[in-house]
């Protein structure tokens, strides 16, 4: 039998009830009402736990607080009848394939053309003259420098 679980936070405040005068009376009635609500849907109470939880405080700080939770479970309905698996169809064996004579293997491997490595592309040459600033060849022409 398998179960599914539900975890909810425990109430932090007691609700007001007629005839409940103390905090303990109000709190126990609050828990009792919560458990009865869950039981209507088939949930069975298991236990209460207090677990640590890290919270942020300010911009960079962290604090550990304890959260109290209530754990409930209920049985999961399993399939009543197993699913029948159809047997695999019987396949007749294929007739034997007649043997084919293999062609004579070539004596020499086929010729593969040799390819030389590609030449790296040459960087553009720097051209300088007395009246012009250095520039890349093929680029736009720059105006001459003025002498002060």
C-alpha atoms as a PDB file:
ATOM      1  CA  UNK A   1       0.000   0.000   0.000  1.00  0.00           C
ATOM      2  CA  UNK A   2       1.358   3.417  -0.865  1.00  0.00           C
ATOM      3  CA  UNK A   3       0.595   6.770   0.715  1.00  0.00           C
ATOM      4  CA  UNK A   4       0.631  10.415  -0.242  1.00  0.00           C
ATOM      5  CA  UNK A   5       1.596  13.060   2.303  1.00  0.00           C
ATOM      6  CA  UNK A   6       0.519  16.610   2.978  1.00  0.00           C
ATOM      7  CA  UNK A   7       2.492  19.037   5.129  1.00  0.00           C
ATOM      8  CA  UNK A   8       0.930  22.263   6.416  1.00  0.00           C
ATOM      9  CA  UNK A   9       2.221  24.927   8.809  1.00  0.00           C
ATOM     10  CA  UNK A  10       0.981  24.619  12.368  1.00  0.00           C
ATOM     11  CA  UNK A  11      -1.223  27.511  13.482  1.00  0.00           C
ATOM     12  CA  UNK A  12       0.639  30.270  15.342  1.00  0.00           C
ATOM     13  CA  UNK A  13      -2.384  31.901  16.979  1.00  0.00           C
ATOM     14  CA  UNK A  14      -5.324  30.376  18.746  1.00  0.00           C
ATOM     15  CA  UNK A  15      -8.771  31.257  17.451  1.00  0.00           C
ATOM     16  CA  UNK A  16     -11.503  32.398  19.820  1.00  0.00           C
ATOM     17  CA  UNK A  17     -14.063  29.793  20.878  1.00  0.00           C
ATOM     18  CA  UNK A  18     -17.074  30.154  23.142  1.00  0.00           C
ATOM     19  CA  UNK A  19     -16.338  28.538  26.483  1.00  0.00           C
ATOM     20  CA  UNK A  20     -12.562  28.367  25.923  1.00  0.00           C
ATOM     21  CA  UNK A  21     -11.074  30.740  28.492  1.00  0.00           C
ATOM     22  CA  UNK A  22      -7.372  29.895  28.593  1.00  0.00           C
ATOM     23  CA  UNK A  23      -4.821  30.065  25.810  1.00  0.00           C
ATOM     24  CA  UNK A  24      -4.311  26.273  26.001  1.00  0.00           C
ATOM     25  CA  UNK A  25      -8.048  25.642  25.550  1.00  0.00           C
ATOM     26  CA  UNK A  26      -8.272  27.948  22.532  1.00  0.00           C
ATOM     27  CA  UNK A  27      -5.106  26.514  20.969  1.00  0.00           C
ATOM     28  CA  UNK A  28      -6.211  22.886  21.384  1.00  0.00           C
ATOM     29  CA  UNK A  29      -9.582  23.723  19.827  1.00  0.00           C
ATOM     30  CA  UNK A  30      -7.800  25.379  16.896  1.00  0.00           C
ATOM     31  CA  UNK A  31      -5.649  22.271  16.304  1.00  0.00           C
ATOM     32  CA  UNK A  32      -8.685  20.011  16.747  1.00  0.00           C
ATOM     33  CA  UNK A  33     -10.663  21.972  14.128  1.00  0.00           C
ATOM     34  CA  UNK A  34      -7.753  21.801  11.671  1.00  0.00           C
ATOM     35  CA  UNK A  35      -7.360  18.023  12.131  1.00  0.00           C
ATOM     36  CA  UNK A  36     -11.094  17.453  11.659  1.00  0.00           C
ATOM     37  CA  UNK A  37     -11.065  19.506   8.423  1.00  0.00           C
ATOM     38  CA  UNK A  38      -8.222  17.375   7.053  1.00  0.00           C
ATOM     39  CA  UNK A  39      -9.934  14.123   8.140  1.00  0.00           C
ATOM     40  CA  UNK A  40     -13.030  14.992   6.088  1.00  0.00           C
ATOM     41  CA  UNK A  41     -10.827  14.804   2.953  1.00  0.00           C
ATOM     42  CA  UNK A  42      -9.308  11.465   4.063  1.00  0.00           C
ATOM     43  CA  UNK A  43      -6.059  12.798   5.569  1.00  0.00           C
ATOM     44  CA  UNK A  44      -4.773  11.023   8.676  1.00  0.00           C
ATOM     45  CA  UNK A  45      -2.632  12.985  11.162  1.00  0.00           C
ATOM     46  CA  UNK A  46       0.906  11.577  11.498  1.00  0.00           C
ATOM     47  CA  UNK A  47       3.065  13.959  13.521  1.00  0.00           C
ATOM     48  CA  UNK A  48       4.209  17.524  14.199  1.00  0.00           C
ATOM     49  CA  UNK A  49       7.823  18.551  13.510  1.00  0.00           C
ATOM     50  CA  UNK A  50       9.917  21.658  14.152  1.00  0.00           C
ATOM     51  CA  UNK A  51      12.489  22.110  11.413  1.00  0.00           C
ATOM     52  CA  UNK A  52      15.199  24.782  10.958  1.00  0.00           C
ATOM     53  CA  UNK A  53      14.772  27.286   8.157  1.00  0.00           C
ATOM     54  CA  UNK A  54      17.314  29.950   7.198  1.00  0.00           C
ATOM     55  CA  UNK A  55      15.894  33.453   6.649  1.00  0.00           C
ATOM     56  CA  UNK A  56      17.505  36.632   5.376  1.00  0.00           C
ATOM     57  CA  UNK A  57      17.917  39.505   7.844  1.00  0.00           C
ATOM     58  CA  UNK A  58      18.812  42.852   6.335  1.00  0.00           C
ATOM     59  CA  UNK A  59      20.978  43.054   3.243  1.00  0.00           C
ATOM     60  CA  UNK A  60      23.594  40.407   4.000  1.00  0.00           C
ATOM     61  CA  UNK A  61      22.562  38.731   7.240  1.00  0.00           C
ATOM     62  CA  UNK A  62      20.949  35.323   7.760  1.00  0.00           C
ATOM     63  CA  UNK A  63      19.140  33.916  10.789  1.00  0.00           C
ATOM     64  CA  UNK A  64      17.933  30.395  11.538  1.00  0.00           C
ATOM     65  CA  UNK A  65      14.327  30.129  12.700  1.00  0.00           C
ATOM     66  CA  UNK A  66      12.309  26.993  13.471  1.00  0.00           C
ATOM     67  CA  UNK A  67       9.073  26.291  11.615  1.00  0.00           C
ATOM     68  CA  UNK A  68       6.482  23.936  13.122  1.00  0.00           C
ATOM     69  CA  UNK A  69       4.649  21.784  10.595  1.00  0.00           C
ATOM     70  CA  UNK A  70       1.889  19.179  10.730  1.00  0.00           C
ATOM     71  CA  UNK A  71       2.222  16.008   8.624  1.00  0.00           C
ATOM     72  CA  UNK A  72      -0.829  14.151   7.284  1.00  0.00           C
ATOM     73  CA  UNK A  73      -1.100  11.097   5.034  1.00  0.00           C
ATOM     74  CA  UNK A  74      -3.736   9.143   3.142  1.00  0.00           C
ATOM     75  CA  UNK A  75      -3.694   5.895   1.196  1.00  0.00           C
ATOM     76  CA  UNK A  76      -3.439   6.080  -2.569  1.00  0.00           C
ATOM     77  CA  UNK A  77      -5.845   3.831  -4.444  1.00  0.00           C
ATOM     78  CA  UNK A  78      -3.869   1.329  -6.471  1.00  0.00           C
ATOM     79  CA  UNK A  79      -5.121  -0.278  -9.674  1.00  0.00           C
ATOM     80  CA  UNK A  80      -7.492  -3.118  -8.738  1.00  0.00           C
ATOM     81  CA  UNK A  81      -6.755  -5.279 -11.754  1.00  0.00           C
ATOM     82  CA  UNK A  82      -3.347  -5.619 -13.319  1.00  0.00           C
ATOM     83  CA  UNK A  83      -3.100  -4.652 -16.959  1.00  0.00           C
ATOM     84  CA  UNK A  84      -2.889  -7.736 -19.170  1.00  0.00           C
ATOM     85  CA  UNK A  85      -0.048  -7.743 -21.628  1.00  0.00           C
ATOM     86  CA  UNK A  86      -0.843  -9.195 -25.039  1.00  0.00           C
ATOM     87  CA  UNK A  87       1.558 -11.945 -26.116  1.00  0.00           C
ATOM     88  CA  UNK A  88       3.944 -11.055 -28.907  1.00  0.00           C
ATOM     89  CA  UNK A  89       2.915 -12.376 -32.337  1.00  0.00           C
ATOM     90  CA  UNK A  90       4.842 -15.358 -33.631  1.00  0.00           C
ATOM     91  CA  UNK A  91       6.885 -14.478 -36.698  1.00  0.00           C
ATOM     92  CA  UNK A  92       7.861 -17.206 -39.149  1.00  0.00           C
ATOM     93  CA  UNK A  93      11.546 -17.528 -39.864  1.00  0.00           C
ATOM     94  CA  UNK A  94      12.666 -15.883 -43.094  1.00  0.00           C
ATOM     95  CA  UNK A  95      13.841 -18.208 -45.861  1.00  0.00           C
ATOM     96  CA  UNK A  96      17.602 -18.487 -46.192  1.00  0.00           C
ATOM     97  CA  UNK A  97      19.179 -15.915 -48.483  1.00  0.00           C
ATOM     98  CA  UNK A  98      21.396 -17.409 -51.206  1.00  0.00           C
ATOM     99  CA  UNK A  99      25.052 -16.531 -50.865  1.00  0.00           C
ATOM    100  CA  UNK A 100      26.374 -13.933 -53.315  1.00  0.00           C
ATOM    101  CA  UNK A 101      29.908 -14.227 -54.568  1.00  0.00           C
ATOM    102  CA  UNK A 102      32.000 -11.331 -53.479  1.00  0.00           C
ATOM    103  CA  UNK A 103      33.690  -9.266 -56.157  1.00  0.00           C
ATOM    104  CA  UNK A 104      37.456  -9.491 -56.351  1.00  0.00           C
ATOM    105  CA  UNK A 105      39.110  -6.967 -54.070  1.00  0.00           C
ATOM    106  CA  UNK A 106      41.192  -4.309 -55.835  1.00  0.00           C
ATOM    107  CA  UNK A 107      44.911  -4.832 -55.535  1.00  0.00           C
ATOM    108  CA  UNK A 108      45.883  -1.194 -55.053  1.00  0.00           C
ATOM    109  CA  UNK A 109      44.044   1.444 -53.068  1.00  0.00           C
ATOM    110  CA  UNK A 110      42.409   4.148 -55.174  1.00  0.00           C
ATOM    111  CA  UNK A 111      44.554   7.190 -55.840  1.00  0.00           C
ATOM    112  CA  UNK A 112      43.805  10.125 -53.567  1.00  0.00           C
ATOM    113  CA  UNK A 113      44.728  13.554 -54.891  1.00  0.00           C
ATOM    114  CA  UNK A 114      47.259  15.345 -52.717  1.00  0.00           C
ATOM    115  CA  UNK A 115      46.298  18.781 -51.543  1.00  0.00           C
ATOM    116  CA  UNK A 116      48.948  21.270 -50.434  1.00  0.00           C
ATOM    117  CA  UNK A 117      48.214  23.388 -47.363  1.00  0.00           C
ATOM    118  CA  UNK A 118      46.751  26.775 -48.198  1.00  0.00           C
ATOM    119  CA  UNK A 119      49.058  29.751 -48.055  1.00  0.00           C
ATOM    120  CA  UNK A 120      48.220  32.138 -45.211  1.00  0.00           C
ATOM    121  CA  UNK A 121      46.770  35.439 -46.326  1.00  0.00           C
ATOM    122  CA  UNK A 122      49.351  38.176 -46.281  1.00  0.00           C
ATOM    123  CA  UNK A 123      48.750  41.140 -43.993  1.00  0.00           C
ATOM    124  CA  UNK A 124      48.336  44.475 -45.750  1.00  0.00           C
ATOM    125  CA  UNK A 125      51.675  46.216 -46.174  1.00  0.00           C
ATOM    126  CA  UNK A 126      52.400  49.558 -44.556  1.00  0.00           C
ATOM    127  CA  UNK A 127      53.240  52.270 -47.035  1.00  0.00           C
ATOM    128  CA  UNK A 128      54.930  55.448 -45.908  1.00  0.00           C
ATOM    129  CA  UNK A 129      56.004  58.545 -47.753  1.00  0.00           C
ATOM    130  CA  UNK A 130      57.596  61.777 -46.673  1.00  0.00           C
ATOM    131  CA  UNK A 131      54.469  63.836 -47.230  1.00  0.00           C
ATOM    132  CA  UNK A 132      51.894  61.415 -45.907  1.00  0.00           C
ATOM    133  CA  UNK A 133      51.229  59.626 -42.675  1.00  0.00           C
ATOM    134  CA  UNK A 134      51.662  55.886 -42.699  1.00  0.00           C
ATOM    135  CA  UNK A 135      48.577  54.122 -43.955  1.00  0.00           C
ATOM    136  CA  UNK A 136      47.466  50.668 -44.949  1.00  0.00           C
ATOM    137  CA  UNK A 137      47.788  49.986 -48.634  1.00  0.00           C
ATOM    138  CA  UNK A 138      44.478  50.086 -50.395  1.00  0.00           C
ATOM    139  CA  UNK A 139      42.915  52.304 -47.731  1.00  0.00           C
ATOM    140  CA  UNK A 140      41.728  55.893 -48.030  1.00  0.00           C
ATOM    141  CA  UNK A 141      44.351  58.560 -48.645  1.00  0.00           C
ATOM    142  CA  UNK A 142      45.074  60.786 -45.657  1.00  0.00           C
ATOM    143  CA  UNK A 143      45.887  64.503 -45.930  1.00  0.00           C
ATOM    144  CA  UNK A 144      49.548  65.448 -45.348  1.00  0.00           C
ATOM    145  CA  UNK A 145      50.687  66.576 -41.916  1.00  0.00           C
ATOM    146  CA  UNK A 146      51.183  70.309 -41.370  1.00  0.00           C
ATOM    147  CA  UNK A 147      54.537  71.353 -40.061  1.00  0.00           C
ATOM    148  CA  UNK A 148      54.388  73.994 -37.301  1.00  0.00           C
END
